[in-house]
Amino acid sequence: AFHEFVSEATNCYLCAITIYLQHGRFGLASTLYAEMASHLLTLGQPGDAGVYFEKAAQLIEQQAPNVAAGMIQQSVQCRVASEDYSGAIEALSWLL
């Protein structure tokens, strides 16, 4: 039952992110991706968190490269924790 609520909450975040992206508000969309990733990590879903940290980083790469690099580091840590080594390598190569 709890997992259903996580899925519903994730869908709400994704709807809000879509609206921000449609209006060109990439910084706000990135913030929501990062917030969602943090919550998923807290809930023990590092694989999903890693994906969303990477998406957050990609949206703000041009405006805040240092922040984006930190999010990529979080993505890599999450992916390693979930044993997604190929995803971790992809994220690292994006960072370079």
C-alpha atoms as a PDB file:
ATOM      1  CA  ALA A   1       0.000   0.000   0.000  1.00  0.00           C
ATOM      2  CA  PHE A   2       2.817   2.389   0.869  1.00  0.00           C
ATOM      3  CA  HIS A   3       4.447   1.816  -2.524  1.00  0.00           C
ATOM      4  CA  GLU A   4       1.268   3.043  -4.227  1.00  0.00           C
ATOM      5  CA  PHE A   5       1.585   6.372  -2.440  1.00  0.00           C
ATOM      6  CA  VAL A   6       5.208   6.699  -3.524  1.00  0.00           C
ATOM      7  CA  SER A   7       4.158   6.127  -7.131  1.00  0.00           C
ATOM      8  CA  GLU A   8       1.366   8.680  -6.838  1.00  0.00           C
ATOM      9  CA  ALA A   9       3.688  11.242  -5.262  1.00  0.00           C
ATOM     10  CA  THR A  10       6.269  10.631  -7.995  1.00  0.00           C
ATOM     11  CA  ASN A  11       3.597  11.183 -10.641  1.00  0.00           C
ATOM     12  CA  CYS A  12       2.598  14.474  -8.985  1.00  0.00           C
ATOM     13  CA  TYR A  13       6.207  15.634  -9.053  1.00  0.00           C
ATOM     14  CA  LEU A  14       6.532  14.613 -12.705  1.00  0.00           C
ATOM     15  CA  CYS A  15       3.369  16.548 -13.620  1.00  0.00           C
ATOM     16  CA  ALA A  16       4.704  19.682 -11.929  1.00  0.00           C
ATOM     17  CA  ILE A  17       8.075  19.217 -13.631  1.00  0.00           C
ATOM     18  CA  THR A  18       6.374  18.886 -17.024  1.00  0.00           C
ATOM     19  CA  ILE A  19       4.534  22.167 -16.466  1.00  0.00           C
ATOM     20  CA  TYR A  20       7.754  23.952 -15.501  1.00  0.00           C
ATOM     21  CA  LEU A  21       9.531  22.558 -18.551  1.00  0.00           C
ATOM     22  CA  GLN A  22       6.692  23.656 -20.840  1.00  0.00           C
ATOM     23  CA  HIS A  23       7.106  27.191 -19.517  1.00  0.00           C
ATOM     24  CA  GLY A  24      10.889  27.179 -19.819  1.00  0.00           C
ATOM     25  CA  ARG A  25      11.459  27.174 -16.063  1.00  0.00           C
ATOM     26  CA  PHE A  26      14.367  24.744 -16.127  1.00  0.00           C
ATOM     27  CA  GLY A  27      15.794  25.773 -12.762  1.00  0.00           C
ATOM     28  CA  LEU A  28      12.523  25.078 -10.985  1.00  0.00           C
ATOM     29  CA  ALA A  29      12.122  21.772 -12.819  1.00  0.00           C
ATOM     30  CA  SER A  30      15.653  20.838 -11.777  1.00  0.00           C
ATOM     31  CA  THR A  31      14.876  21.703  -8.157  1.00  0.00           C
ATOM     32  CA  LEU A  32      11.843  19.425  -8.198  1.00  0.00           C
ATOM     33  CA  TYR A  33      13.826  16.586  -9.763  1.00  0.00           C
ATOM     34  CA  ALA A  34      16.467  16.935  -7.031  1.00  0.00           C
ATOM     35  CA  GLU A  35      13.847  17.139  -4.274  1.00  0.00           C
ATOM     36  CA  MET A  36      12.085  14.046  -5.590  1.00  0.00           C
ATOM     37  CA  ALA A  37      15.402  12.199  -5.857  1.00  0.00           C
ATOM     38  CA  SER A  38      16.239  13.055  -2.242  1.00  0.00           C
ATOM     39  CA  HIS A  39      12.887  11.748  -1.046  1.00  0.00           C
ATOM     40  CA  LEU A  40      13.251   8.544  -3.065  1.00  0.00           C
ATOM     41  CA  LEU A  41      16.714   8.025  -1.626  1.00  0.00           C
ATOM     42  CA  THR A  42      15.328   8.469   1.886  1.00  0.00           C
ATOM     43  CA  LEU A  43      12.658   5.885   1.076  1.00  0.00           C
ATOM     44  CA  GLY A  44      15.290   3.352   0.036  1.00  0.00           C
ATOM     45  CA  GLN A  45      14.990   3.665  -3.734  1.00  0.00           C
ATOM     46  CA  PRO A  46      18.513   4.678  -4.785  1.00  0.00           C
ATOM     47  CA  GLY A  47      18.123   3.452  -8.380  1.00  0.00           C
ATOM     48  CA  ASP A  48      15.238   5.796  -9.101  1.00  0.00           C
ATOM     49  CA  ALA A  49      16.901   8.582  -7.119  1.00  0.00           C
ATOM     50  CA  GLY A  50      20.026   8.295  -9.260  1.00  0.00           C
ATOM     51  CA  VAL A  51      18.048   8.776 -12.456  1.00  0.00           C
ATOM     52  CA  TYR A  52      16.335  11.901 -11.145  1.00  0.00           C
ATOM     53  CA  PHE A  53      19.530  13.432  -9.736  1.00  0.00           C
ATOM     54  CA  GLU A  54      21.030  13.086 -13.208  1.00  0.00           C
ATOM     55  CA  LYS A  55      18.006  14.715 -14.859  1.00  0.00           C
ATOM     56  CA  ALA A  56      18.221  17.580 -12.372  1.00  0.00           C
ATOM     57  CA  ALA A  57      21.892  18.060 -13.209  1.00  0.00           C
ATOM     58  CA  GLN A  58      21.294  18.085 -16.951  1.00  0.00           C
ATOM     59  CA  LEU A  59      18.724  20.872 -16.642  1.00  0.00           C
ATOM     60  CA  ILE A  60      21.041  23.265 -14.816  1.00  0.00           C
ATOM     61  CA  GLU A  61      24.354  22.313 -16.372  1.00  0.00           C
ATOM     62  CA  GLN A  62      24.745  25.670 -18.158  1.00  0.00           C
ATOM     63  CA  GLN A  63      23.509  27.923 -15.336  1.00  0.00           C
ATOM     64  CA  ALA A  64      25.184  26.227 -12.377  1.00  0.00           C
ATOM     65  CA  PRO A  65      27.886  23.749 -13.420  1.00  0.00           C
ATOM     66  CA  ASN A  66      29.164  23.213  -9.865  1.00  0.00           C
ATOM     67  CA  VAL A  67      25.684  22.373  -8.600  1.00  0.00           C
ATOM     68  CA  ALA A  68      25.163  20.065 -11.578  1.00  0.00           C
ATOM     69  CA  ALA A  69      28.437  18.290 -10.813  1.00  0.00           C
ATOM     70  CA  GLY A  70      27.318  17.719  -7.217  1.00  0.00           C
ATOM     71  CA  MET A  71      24.059  16.224  -8.427  1.00  0.00           C
ATOM     72  CA  ILE A  72      25.949  13.924 -10.782  1.00  0.00           C
ATOM     73  CA  GLN A  73      28.053  12.776  -7.838  1.00  0.00           C
ATOM     74  CA  GLN A  74      24.859  11.982  -5.955  1.00  0.00           C
ATOM     75  CA  SER A  75      23.539  10.148  -8.993  1.00  0.00           C
ATOM     76  CA  VAL A  76      26.684   8.046  -9.187  1.00  0.00           C
ATOM     77  CA  GLN A  77      26.501   7.179  -5.485  1.00  0.00           C
ATOM     78  CA  CYS A  78      22.852   6.167  -5.850  1.00  0.00           C
ATOM     79  CA  ARG A  79      23.527   4.050  -8.907  1.00  0.00           C
ATOM     80  CA  VAL A  80      26.438   2.266  -7.238  1.00  0.00           C
ATOM     81  CA  ALA A  81      24.242   1.629  -4.172  1.00  0.00           C
ATOM     82  CA  SER A  82      21.633   0.035  -6.432  1.00  0.00           C
ATOM     83  CA  GLU A  83      24.347  -1.913  -8.281  1.00  0.00           C
ATOM     84  CA  ASP A  84      23.674  -0.062 -11.552  1.00  0.00           C
ATOM     85  CA  TYR A  85      27.326   0.166 -12.498  1.00  0.00           C
ATOM     86  CA  SER A  86      26.742   0.909 -16.170  1.00  0.00           C
ATOM     87  CA  GLY A  87      24.471   3.818 -15.188  1.00  0.00           C
ATOM     88  CA  ALA A  88      27.144   5.076 -12.802  1.00  0.00           C
ATOM     89  CA  ILE A  89      29.735   4.984 -15.579  1.00  0.00           C
ATOM     90  CA  GLU A  90      27.370   6.841 -17.934  1.00  0.00           C
ATOM     91  CA  ALA A  91      26.804   9.530 -15.333  1.00  0.00           C
ATOM     92  CA  LEU A  92      30.536   9.879 -14.742  1.00  0.00           C
ATOM     93  CA  SER A  93      31.234  10.151 -18.454  1.00  0.00           C
ATOM     94  CA  TRP A  94      28.592  12.889 -18.716  1.00  0.00           C
ATOM     95  CA  LEU A  95      30.431  14.715 -15.953  1.00  0.00           C
ATOM     96  CA  LEU A  96      33.676  14.649 -17.919  1.00  0.00           C
END
